[in-house]
C-alpha atoms as a PDB file:
ATOM      1  CA  MET A   1      10.815   9.501-155.956  1.00  0.00           C
ATOM      2  CA  LYS A   2      10.253   8.229-159.332  1.00  0.00           C
ATOM      3  CA  LYS A   3       7.439   9.555-161.139  1.00  0.00           C
ATOM      4  CA  LEU A   4       6.629   7.972-164.177  1.00  0.00           C
ATOM      5  CA  ILE A   5       4.059   7.450-167.179  1.00  0.00           C
ATOM      6  CA  ILE A   6       4.494   4.847-169.397  1.00  0.00           C
ATOM      7  CA  ALA A   7       2.081   4.379-172.442  1.00  0.00           C
ATOM      8  CA  SER A   8       1.873   2.057-174.845  1.00  0.00           C
ATOM      9  CA  THR A   9       1.521   4.687-177.512  1.00  0.00           C
ATOM     10  CA  SER A  10       0.623   8.531-178.028  1.00  0.00           C
ATOM     11  CA  THR A  11      -1.693   8.172-180.299  1.00  0.00           C
ATOM     12  CA  LEU A  12      -5.233   6.292-180.137  1.00  0.00           C
ATOM     13  CA  HIS A  13      -7.421   5.242-183.085  1.00  0.00           C
ATOM     14  CA  GLY A  14      -9.144   8.717-184.039  1.00  0.00           C
ATOM     15  CA  GLY A  15      -7.952  10.724-181.417  1.00  0.00           C
ATOM     16  CA  SER A  16      -5.121  13.313-181.244  1.00  0.00           C
ATOM     17  CA  TYR A  17      -1.993  13.528-180.116  1.00  0.00           C
ATOM     18  CA  LEU A  18      -1.710  12.352-176.456  1.00  0.00           C
ATOM     19  CA  GLU A  19      -5.406  13.328-176.116  1.00  0.00           C
ATOM     20  CA  TYR A  20      -6.069  10.473-174.141  1.00  0.00           C
ATOM     21  CA  LEU A  21      -3.820  11.221-171.250  1.00  0.00           C
ATOM     22  CA  GLU A  22      -4.684  14.408-171.097  1.00  0.00           C
ATOM     23  CA  PRO A  23      -6.015  14.631-167.309  1.00  0.00           C
ATOM     24  CA  VAL A  24      -3.624  12.021-166.262  1.00  0.00           C
ATOM     25  CA  LEU A  25      -0.319  14.265-167.740  1.00  0.00           C
ATOM     26  CA  GLN A  26      -2.797  17.640-165.593  1.00  0.00           C
ATOM     27  CA  ARG A  27      -2.374  15.854-162.959  1.00  0.00           C
ATOM     28  CA  HIS A  28       1.380  14.060-163.573  1.00  0.00           C
ATOM     29  CA  PHE A  29       3.515  17.502-164.850  1.00  0.00           C
ATOM     30  CA  GLU A  30       1.341  19.371-161.944  1.00  0.00           C
ATOM     31  CA  GLY A  31       4.151  22.194-161.002  1.00  0.00           C
ATOM     32  CA  CYS A  32       5.970  22.426-163.725  1.00  0.00           C
ATOM     33  CA  THR A  33       7.146  25.042-166.397  1.00  0.00           C
ATOM     34  CA  SER A  34       9.363  23.555-168.510  1.00  0.00           C
ATOM     35  CA  LEU A  35      10.114  19.948-170.558  1.00  0.00           C
ATOM     36  CA  ILE A  36      12.682  18.380-172.349  1.00  0.00           C
ATOM     37  CA  PHE A  37      11.885  16.245-175.433  1.00  0.00           C
ATOM     38  CA  ILE A  38      13.992  13.521-176.710  1.00  0.00           C
ATOM     39  CA  PRO A  39      13.465  12.618-180.025  1.00  0.00           C
ATOM     40  CA  TYR A  40      15.862  10.551-180.902  1.00  0.00           C
ATOM     41  CA  ALA A  41      13.238   7.174-182.048  1.00  0.00           C
ATOM     42  CA  ARG A  42      12.393  10.306-185.216  1.00  0.00           C
ATOM     43  CA  PRO A  43       8.853   7.614-186.039  1.00  0.00           C
ATOM     44  CA  GLY A  44       8.774   7.829-190.332  1.00  0.00           C
ATOM     45  CA  GLY A  45      12.127   9.857-190.313  1.00  0.00           C
ATOM     46  CA  ILE A  46      10.831  12.570-188.725  1.00  0.00           C
ATOM     47  CA  SER A  47      13.990  15.453-187.844  1.00  0.00           C
ATOM     48  CA  HIS A  48      14.414  15.851-184.623  1.00  0.00           C
ATOM     49  CA  ASP A  49      13.477  19.826-184.479  1.00  0.00           C
ATOM     50  CA  ASP A  50       9.565  18.634-186.194  1.00  0.00           C
ATOM     51  CA  TYR A  51       9.085  15.926-183.935  1.00  0.00           C
ATOM     52  CA  THR A  52      10.194  18.411-181.327  1.00  0.00           C
ATOM     53  CA  ALA A  53       7.663  20.563-182.451  1.00  0.00           C
ATOM     54  CA  ARG A  54       4.895  18.449-182.537  1.00  0.00           C
ATOM     55  CA  ALA A  55       5.756  17.878-178.702  1.00  0.00           C
ATOM     56  CA  ALA A  56       5.563  21.270-178.050  1.00  0.00           C
ATOM     57  CA  ALA A  57       2.361  22.238-179.819  1.00  0.00           C
ATOM     58  CA  TYR A  58       0.797  19.640-177.075  1.00  0.00           C
ATOM     59  CA  PHE A  59       2.541  21.204-174.668  1.00  0.00           C
ATOM     60  CA  ALA A  60       1.939  24.507-175.024  1.00  0.00           C
ATOM     61  CA  LYS A  61      -2.047  24.065-174.227  1.00  0.00           C
ATOM     62  CA  LEU A  62      -1.005  22.695-170.946  1.00  0.00           C
ATOM     63  CA  GLY A  63       1.825  25.460-170.242  1.00  0.00           C
ATOM     64  CA  ILE A  64       4.849  23.965-170.636  1.00  0.00           C
ATOM     65  CA  ALA A  65       7.614  25.116-173.344  1.00  0.00           C
ATOM     66  CA  VAL A  66       9.649  22.531-173.948  1.00  0.00           C
ATOM     67  CA  LYS A  67      12.795  22.605-175.523  1.00  0.00           C
ATOM     68  CA  GLY A  68      14.220  19.132-177.394  1.00  0.00           C
ATOM     69  CA  ILE A  69      17.587  17.642-175.927  1.00  0.00           C
ATOM     70  CA  HIS A  70      19.246  17.942-179.073  1.00  0.00           C
ATOM     71  CA  GLN A  71      19.184  21.397-179.244  1.00  0.00           C
ATOM     72  CA  PHE A  72      21.635  21.437-176.100  1.00  0.00           C
ATOM     73  CA  GLU A  73      25.700  21.522-176.648  1.00  0.00           C
ATOM     74  CA  ASP A  74      25.733  18.838-173.946  1.00  0.00           C
ATOM     75  CA  PRO A  75      22.684  16.686-173.933  1.00  0.00           C
ATOM     76  CA  ALA A  76      23.663  14.655-170.854  1.00  0.00           C
ATOM     77  CA  ALA A  77      24.009  17.854-169.039  1.00  0.00           C
ATOM     78  CA  ALA A  78      20.979  19.153-169.790  1.00  0.00           C
ATOM     79  CA  LEU A  79      18.997  16.721-168.235  1.00  0.00           C
ATOM     80  CA  THR A  80      20.987  18.328-164.901  1.00  0.00           C
ATOM     81  CA  ASP A  81      18.035  20.523-164.204  1.00  0.00           C
ATOM     82  CA  ALA A  82      15.263  19.832-166.150  1.00  0.00           C
ATOM     83  CA  GLU A  83      12.208  20.387-164.172  1.00  0.00           C
ATOM     84  CA  ALA A  84      10.246  17.343-166.606  1.00  0.00           C
ATOM     85  CA  VAL A  85      11.230  14.766-169.719  1.00  0.00           C
ATOM     86  CA  PHE A  86       9.079  13.013-172.089  1.00  0.00           C
ATOM     87  CA  THR A  87      10.723  10.539-174.451  1.00  0.00           C
ATOM     88  CA  GLY A  88       8.939  10.628-177.520  1.00  0.00           C
ATOM     89  CA  GLY A  89       8.054   7.030-180.066  1.00  0.00           C
ATOM     90  CA  GLY A  90       9.772   5.561-182.983  1.00  0.00           C
ATOM     91  CA  ASN A  91      12.046   3.467-183.389  1.00  0.00           C
ATOM     92  CA  THR A  92      13.921   1.980-180.361  1.00  0.00           C
ATOM     93  CA  PHE A  93      16.807   0.452-181.460  1.00  0.00           C
ATOM     94  CA  LEU A  94      17.463   4.584-182.910  1.00  0.00           C
ATOM     95  CA  LEU A  95      17.289   5.545-180.059  1.00  0.00           C
ATOM     96  CA  VAL A  96      19.657   3.495-177.637  1.00  0.00           C
ATOM     97  CA  SER A  97      21.956   4.150-179.348  1.00  0.00           C
ATOM     98  CA  GLN A  98      21.629   7.444-179.532  1.00  0.00           C
ATOM     99  CA  LEU A  99      21.027   7.418-176.580  1.00  0.00           C
ATOM    100  CA  TYR A 100      24.635   5.793-175.708  1.00  0.00           C
ATOM    101  CA  LYS A 101      26.153   8.018-178.088  1.00  0.00           C
ATOM    102  CA  THR A 102      25.145  10.944-176.514  1.00  0.00           C
ATOM    103  CA  GLY A 103      25.544  10.537-172.635  1.00  0.00           C
ATOM    104  CA  VAL A 104      22.022  10.713-172.143  1.00  0.00           C
ATOM    105  CA  ILE A 105      20.717   6.889-170.967  1.00  0.00           C
ATOM    106  CA  THR A 106      22.341   7.928-168.228  1.00  0.00           C
ATOM    107  CA  ALA A 107      21.764  11.563-167.603  1.00  0.00           C
ATOM    108  CA  LEU A 108      17.962  10.247-167.978  1.00  0.00           C
ATOM    109  CA  SER A 109      18.444   7.131-165.886  1.00  0.00           C
ATOM    110  CA  GLU A 110      19.962   9.292-162.561  1.00  0.00           C
ATOM    111  CA  ALA A 111      17.292  11.755-163.256  1.00  0.00           C
ATOM    112  CA  ILE A 112      14.007   9.405-163.076  1.00  0.00           C
ATOM    113  CA  ASP A 113      15.582   8.676-160.227  1.00  0.00           C
ATOM    114  CA  ARG A 114      15.980  12.010-158.782  1.00  0.00           C
ATOM    115  CA  GLY A 115      12.138  12.123-158.979  1.00  0.00           C
ATOM    116  CA  VAL A 116      11.942  14.216-162.160  1.00  0.00           C
ATOM    117  CA  PRO A 117       8.801  13.452-164.093  1.00  0.00           C
ATOM    118  CA  TYR A 118       9.026  11.653-166.616  1.00  0.00           C
ATOM    119  CA  LEU A 119       6.732  10.745-169.605  1.00  0.00           C
ATOM    120  CA  GLY A 120       7.194   7.792-172.304  1.00  0.00           C
ATOM    121  CA  SER A 121       5.620   6.313-175.441  1.00  0.00           C
ATOM    122  CA  SER A 122       5.753   3.388-177.357  1.00  0.00           C
ATOM    123  CA  ALA A 123       9.559   3.333-177.750  1.00  0.00           C
ATOM    124  CA  GLY A 124       9.826   5.574-175.331  1.00  0.00           C
ATOM    125  CA  SER A 125       8.133   3.544-172.487  1.00  0.00           C
ATOM    126  CA  ASN A 126      10.328   0.155-173.774  1.00  0.00           C
ATOM    127  CA  ILE A 127      13.227   2.253-172.320  1.00  0.00           C
ATOM    128  CA  CYS A 128      12.078   1.819-168.992  1.00  0.00           C
ATOM    129  CA  GLY A 129      12.202  -2.059-168.618  1.00  0.00           C
ATOM    130  CA  ILE A 130      15.606  -4.383-167.893  1.00  0.00           C
ATOM    131  CA  THR A 131      16.208  -4.689-171.999  1.00  0.00           C
ATOM    132  CA  MET A 132      15.077  -2.615-175.504  1.00  0.00           C
ATOM    133  CA  GLN A 133      15.112  -6.452-176.268  1.00  0.00           C
ATOM    134  CA  THR A 134      10.852  -7.395-176.392  1.00  0.00           C
ATOM    135  CA  THR A 135      10.199  -3.748-178.873  1.00  0.00           C
ATOM    136  CA  ASN A 136       8.811  -4.724-182.101  1.00  0.00           C
ATOM    137  CA  ASP A 137      10.868  -2.162-184.205  1.00  0.00           C
ATOM    138  CA  MET A 138      13.483  -3.241-186.877  1.00  0.00           C
ATOM    139  CA  PRO A 139      17.084  -3.135-185.994  1.00  0.00           C
ATOM    140  CA  ILE A 140      17.962  -0.554-188.614  1.00  0.00           C
ATOM    141  CA  VAL A 141      20.558   0.416-186.291  1.00  0.00           C
ATOM    142  CA  TYR A 142      23.399  -1.444-183.954  1.00  0.00           C
ATOM    143  CA  PRO A 143      23.060  -0.003-180.476  1.00  0.00           C
ATOM    144  CA  PRO A 144      25.860  -0.791-177.923  1.00  0.00           C
ATOM    145  CA  SER A 145      23.875  -2.454-175.517  1.00  0.00           C
ATOM    146  CA  PHE A 146      19.940  -3.426-175.451  1.00  0.00           C
ATOM    147  CA  LYS A 147      20.522  -2.642-171.679  1.00  0.00           C
ATOM    148  CA  THR A 148      18.171   0.459-170.901  1.00  0.00           C
ATOM    149  CA  LEU A 149      16.981   2.195-168.280  1.00  0.00           C
ATOM    150  CA  GLY A 150      14.989  -0.669-165.562  1.00  0.00           C
ATOM    151  CA  ALA A 151      13.489   2.187-163.740  1.00  0.00           C
ATOM    152  CA  ILE A 152      10.257  -0.793-163.483  1.00  0.00           C
ATOM    153  CA  SER A 153      12.070  -4.550-162.805  1.00  0.00           C
ATOM    154  CA  PHE A 154      10.334  -5.996-166.207  1.00  0.00           C
ATOM    155  CA  ASN A 155      10.185  -5.545-170.157  1.00  0.00           C
ATOM    156  CA  LEU A 156       6.981  -4.123-171.734  1.00  0.00           C
ATOM    157  CA  ASN A 157       5.929  -5.174-175.015  1.00  0.00           C
ATOM    158  CA  PRO A 158       4.503  -1.840-176.684  1.00  0.00           C
ATOM    159  CA  HIS A 159       1.003  -1.435-178.879  1.00  0.00           C
ATOM    160  CA  TYR A 160       0.155  -6.061-177.780  1.00  0.00           C
ATOM    161  CA  LEU A 161      -1.479  -7.350-180.854  1.00  0.00           C
ATOM    162  CA  ASP A 162      -4.216 -10.370-179.800  1.00  0.00           C
ATOM    163  CA  PRO A 163      -3.820 -12.849-181.637  1.00  0.00           C
ATOM    164  CA  GLN A 164      -6.989 -12.609-184.263  1.00  0.00           C
ATOM    165  CA  PRO A 165      -8.826 -15.894-184.956  1.00  0.00           C
ATOM    166  CA  GLY A 166      -9.821 -16.937-188.254  1.00  0.00           C
ATOM    167  CA  SER A 167      -6.616 -14.498-189.645  1.00  0.00           C
ATOM    168  CA  THR A 168      -4.537 -15.076-192.886  1.00  0.00           C
ATOM    169  CA  HIS A 169      -1.231 -14.217-191.265  1.00  0.00           C
ATOM    170  CA  MET A 170       0.771 -16.778-191.401  1.00  0.00           C
ATOM    171  CA  GLY A 171       4.315 -14.921-189.428  1.00  0.00           C
ATOM    172  CA  GLU A 172       4.803 -15.004-185.985  1.00  0.00           C
ATOM    173  CA  THR A 173       2.346 -13.242-183.232  1.00  0.00           C
ATOM    174  CA  ARG A 174       3.333 -10.805-181.038  1.00  0.00           C
ATOM    175  CA  GLU A 175       2.764 -13.841-178.056  1.00  0.00           C
ATOM    176  CA  THR A 176       5.400 -16.833-180.263  1.00  0.00           C
ATOM    177  CA  ARG A 177       7.223 -13.530-180.036  1.00  0.00           C
ATOM    178  CA  ILE A 178       7.664 -13.128-176.266  1.00  0.00           C
ATOM    179  CA  ARG A 179       7.647 -17.313-176.099  1.00  0.00           C
ATOM    180  CA  GLU A 180      10.628 -16.687-178.041  1.00  0.00           C
ATOM    181  CA  PHE A 181      12.876 -14.454-175.572  1.00  0.00           C
ATOM    182  CA  HIS A 182      11.814 -16.465-173.080  1.00  0.00           C
ATOM    183  CA  GLU A 183      13.900 -19.142-174.011  1.00  0.00           C
ATOM    184  CA  PHE A 184      17.290 -17.594-173.004  1.00  0.00           C
ATOM    185  CA  ASN A 185      15.513 -15.214-171.067  1.00  0.00           C
ATOM    186  CA  THR A 186      13.780 -14.686-167.958  1.00  0.00           C
ATOM    187  CA  VAL A 187      13.016 -11.291-167.458  1.00  0.00           C
ATOM    188  CA  PRO A 188       9.263 -11.045-167.197  1.00  0.00           C
ATOM    189  CA  VAL A 189       7.267  -8.877-170.057  1.00  0.00           C
ATOM    190  CA  LEU A 190       3.950  -7.144-169.991  1.00  0.00           C
ATOM    191  CA  GLY A 191       1.856  -6.315-173.750  1.00  0.00           C
ATOM    192  CA  LEU A 192       0.793  -3.852-172.762  1.00  0.00           C
ATOM    193  CA  ARG A 193      -2.501  -3.038-175.149  1.00  0.00           C
ATOM    194  CA  GLU A 194      -3.261   0.516-176.784  1.00  0.00           C
ATOM    195  CA  GLY A 195      -4.667   2.910-174.698  1.00  0.00           C
ATOM    196  CA  SER A 196      -3.167   1.355-171.218  1.00  0.00           C
ATOM    197  CA  TRP A 197      -0.035   2.885-169.398  1.00  0.00           C
ATOM    198  CA  LEU A 198       1.499   2.258-166.380  1.00  0.00           C
ATOM    199  CA  GLU A 199       1.654   4.843-163.367  1.00  0.00           C
ATOM    200  CA  VAL A 200       5.520   4.662-161.061  1.00  0.00           C
ATOM    201  CA  ASN A 201       5.523   6.529-157.753  1.00  0.00           C
ATOM    202  CA  GLY A 202       7.997   5.912-155.500  1.00  0.00           C
ATOM    203  CA  THR A 203       7.693   2.058-155.634  1.00  0.00           C
ATOM    204  CA  SER A 204       5.142   1.469-156.293  1.00  0.00           C
ATOM    205  CA  VAL A 205       4.038   0.314-159.988  1.00  0.00           C
ATOM    206  CA  ALA A 206       0.310   0.029-161.559  1.00  0.00           C
ATOM    207  CA  LEU A 207      -1.381  -0.911-164.507  1.00  0.00           C
ATOM    208  CA  ARG A 208      -3.662   1.770-165.427  1.00  0.00           C
ATOM    209  CA  GLY A 209      -6.469   2.349-168.508  1.00  0.00           C
ATOM    210  CA  ASP A 210      -9.847   0.407-169.349  1.00  0.00           C
ATOM    211  CA  LEU A 211      -7.638  -2.418-170.697  1.00  0.00           C
ATOM    212  CA  GLN A 212      -6.173  -5.432-169.016  1.00  0.00           C
ATOM    213  CA  ALA A 213      -2.155  -6.018-169.970  1.00  0.00           C
ATOM    214  CA  ARG A 214      -0.973 -10.066-170.912  1.00  0.00           C
ATOM    215  CA  LEU A 215       2.113 -11.518-168.680  1.00  0.00           C
ATOM    216  CA  PHE A 216       4.203 -13.030-169.540  1.00  0.00           C
ATOM    217  CA  ARG A 217       7.045 -15.049-166.975  1.00  0.00           C
ATOM    218  CA  HIS A 218       9.783 -17.102-168.127  1.00  0.00           C
ATOM    219  CA  GLY A 219       7.765 -21.303-168.234  1.00  0.00           C
ATOM    220  CA  MET A 220       4.124 -19.943-166.781  1.00  0.00           C
ATOM    221  CA  GLU A 221       1.291 -19.586-169.042  1.00  0.00           C
ATOM    222  CA  PRO A 222       0.658 -16.072-169.510  1.00  0.00           C
ATOM    223  CA  VAL A 223      -1.842 -14.306-167.487  1.00  0.00           C
ATOM    224  CA  GLU A 224      -4.161 -10.885-167.986  1.00  0.00           C
ATOM    225  CA  VAL A 225      -3.590  -8.370-165.280  1.00  0.00           C
ATOM    226  CA  ALA A 226      -6.991  -5.904-164.160  1.00  0.00           C
ATOM    227  CA  PRO A 227      -5.923  -2.043-164.257  1.00  0.00           C
ATOM    228  CA  GLY A 228      -5.317  -0.870-160.647  1.00  0.00           C
ATOM    229  CA  THR A 229      -2.758  -4.469-160.178  1.00  0.00           C
ATOM    230  CA  ASP A 230       0.138  -3.261-158.359  1.00  0.00           C
ATOM    231  CA  LEU A 231       2.630  -5.178-160.566  1.00  0.00           C
ATOM    232  CA  SER A 232       6.411  -3.690-158.149  1.00  0.00           C
ATOM    233  CA  GLY A 233       6.892  -7.122-157.110  1.00  0.00           C
ATOM    234  CA  LEU A 234       7.186  -8.252-160.416  1.00  0.00           C
ATOM    235  CA  LYS A 235      10.568  -9.557-161.332  1.00  0.00           C
END
């Protein structure tokens, strides 16, 4: 039975790393004593070791020992016996490139299907969708495929921002970019605002947090989705 927390972000403004999710994570990882961290997205160019240390410092408070997947001789095989997995945020292009290069993409999908508790934030959430094509990130490397885990039946746009009235910004809004995506693709896209997450239990996919999410579907006007909504039937 799938068991995922798919968060828009790891850190809210004014808060510390994963602080806002702590009660959720305590329940989500109950009974786990170890966790494999996937640091491939490397936000700001941070090293794999330093990024893993950041995650380890947080999870030590929950009594969970963390090891970076890059520290294993065979990263894909390491997921066979994983108790839990966390993929951190950063650059989705870099993350997906490394997942394919190491063979972890398939092993991670299999672990999720087995019911290994999974946490993703930002880029680590992007990869839970059908493809990574609705990321906000720059294409700093070229992954072999845009196809990702398909752990949920739609795509995500983490850190979703609403257009600001009176803004002098002349570039595309998030809504404009997602509409452009739907000129060529039919996959639904859920815009996750900061502080929101999806909780997946088996076939149930529920929006959590205090904020609505914005749902975009091909050929339809976007709509607001209330917290608690079950999105398992979205295709």
